Each structure stands twice: as structure tokens, then as C-alpha cells.
Amino acid sequence: MKVKIPPRTDGGSWLRIVDTALSAGDDFSEPGEEAPLEGEGATYLAAPQSVVVLVG
């Protein structure tokens, strides 16, 4: 499912800390190693039966 991510009000980037559809080792990010979602109005492809956690 393609999910539209709203822009942050402070202009910062959203960070992905969990995506259970990714391979073991890539599915959970260690603090400081989060993957940024780039671009205003970004989208994220969430796989069926997965969990995605973003922080801002």
C-alpha cells in the first residue's frame, strides 16, 4: 500500500525506525541509524501485513 506522508510542521524529515517487511537486520533501526524519508509530500510503500513506524 502506498502511503502519503504529510510534511512535518517544523520542516524536518520523518525517520523510519521499524518496517517489519524488510530483511532481518534492516527491519529495526538502532538509535541514530534511522532512515530518513526525503522530500515534501513523500510516499512510503508499506507491504501487506507489515508494521511501519516513523518518528519526527
Protein backbone atom coordinates (compact mmCIF):
# COMPACT_ATOMS: atom_id res chain seq x y z
CA MET A 1 0.00 0.00 0.00
CA LYS A 2 1.44 3.38 -0.98
CA VAL A 3 1.00 5.78 1.93
CA LYS A 4 1.36 9.55 1.56
CA ILE A 5 3.41 11.02 4.38
CA PRO A 6 2.38 14.55 5.41
CA PRO A 7 5.09 17.19 5.63
CA ARG A 8 6.31 17.95 9.14
CA THR A 9 5.32 21.33 10.52
CA ASP A 10 8.89 22.07 11.61
CA GLY A 11 10.36 21.31 8.17
CA GLY A 12 12.30 18.28 9.41
CA SER A 13 12.40 14.81 7.90
CA TRP A 14 10.43 11.78 9.04
CA LEU A 15 12.65 8.89 10.15
CA ARG A 16 11.81 5.22 9.69
CA ILE A 17 12.67 3.17 12.77
CA VAL A 18 10.67 0.00 12.01
CA ASP A 19 9.49 -1.77 8.85
CA THR A 20 8.72 -5.41 9.51
CA ALA A 21 8.67 -6.19 5.77
CA LEU A 22 12.42 -5.58 5.49
CA SER A 23 15.03 -8.30 5.91
CA ALA A 24 16.24 -9.21 9.38
CA GLY A 25 18.83 -6.67 10.44
CA ASP A 26 17.25 -3.94 8.30
CA ASP A 27 13.76 -4.11 9.84
CA PHE A 28 14.60 -2.26 13.09
CA SER A 29 16.96 0.74 13.25
CA GLU A 30 19.34 1.40 16.11
CA PRO A 31 19.14 4.88 17.67
CA GLY A 32 20.97 7.31 15.41
CA GLU A 33 20.76 4.94 12.41
CA GLU A 34 17.17 5.74 11.36
CA ALA A 35 16.44 6.03 7.62
CA PRO A 36 15.14 9.50 6.63
CA LEU A 37 12.20 9.83 4.24
CA GLU A 38 13.16 12.53 1.78
CA GLY A 39 11.03 15.12 0.06
CA GLU A 40 7.94 17.08 0.93
CA GLY A 41 4.79 15.04 0.34
CA ALA A 42 6.85 11.83 0.31
CA THR A 43 5.22 8.44 -0.05
CA TYR A 44 6.17 5.15 1.54
CA LEU A 45 5.37 1.69 0.20
CA ALA A 46 4.11 -0.40 3.12
CA ALA A 47 3.95 -4.13 2.42
CA PRO A 48 0.81 -6.13 3.27
CA GLN A 49 0.70 -7.41 6.86
CA SER A 50 3.66 -5.29 7.91
CA VAL A 51 4.18 -2.57 10.50
CA VAL A 52 5.96 0.70 9.75
CA VAL A 53 6.91 3.17 12.49
CA LEU A 54 8.03 6.70 11.66
CA VAL A 55 9.25 9.35 14.08
CA GLY A 56 9.73 13.05 13.63
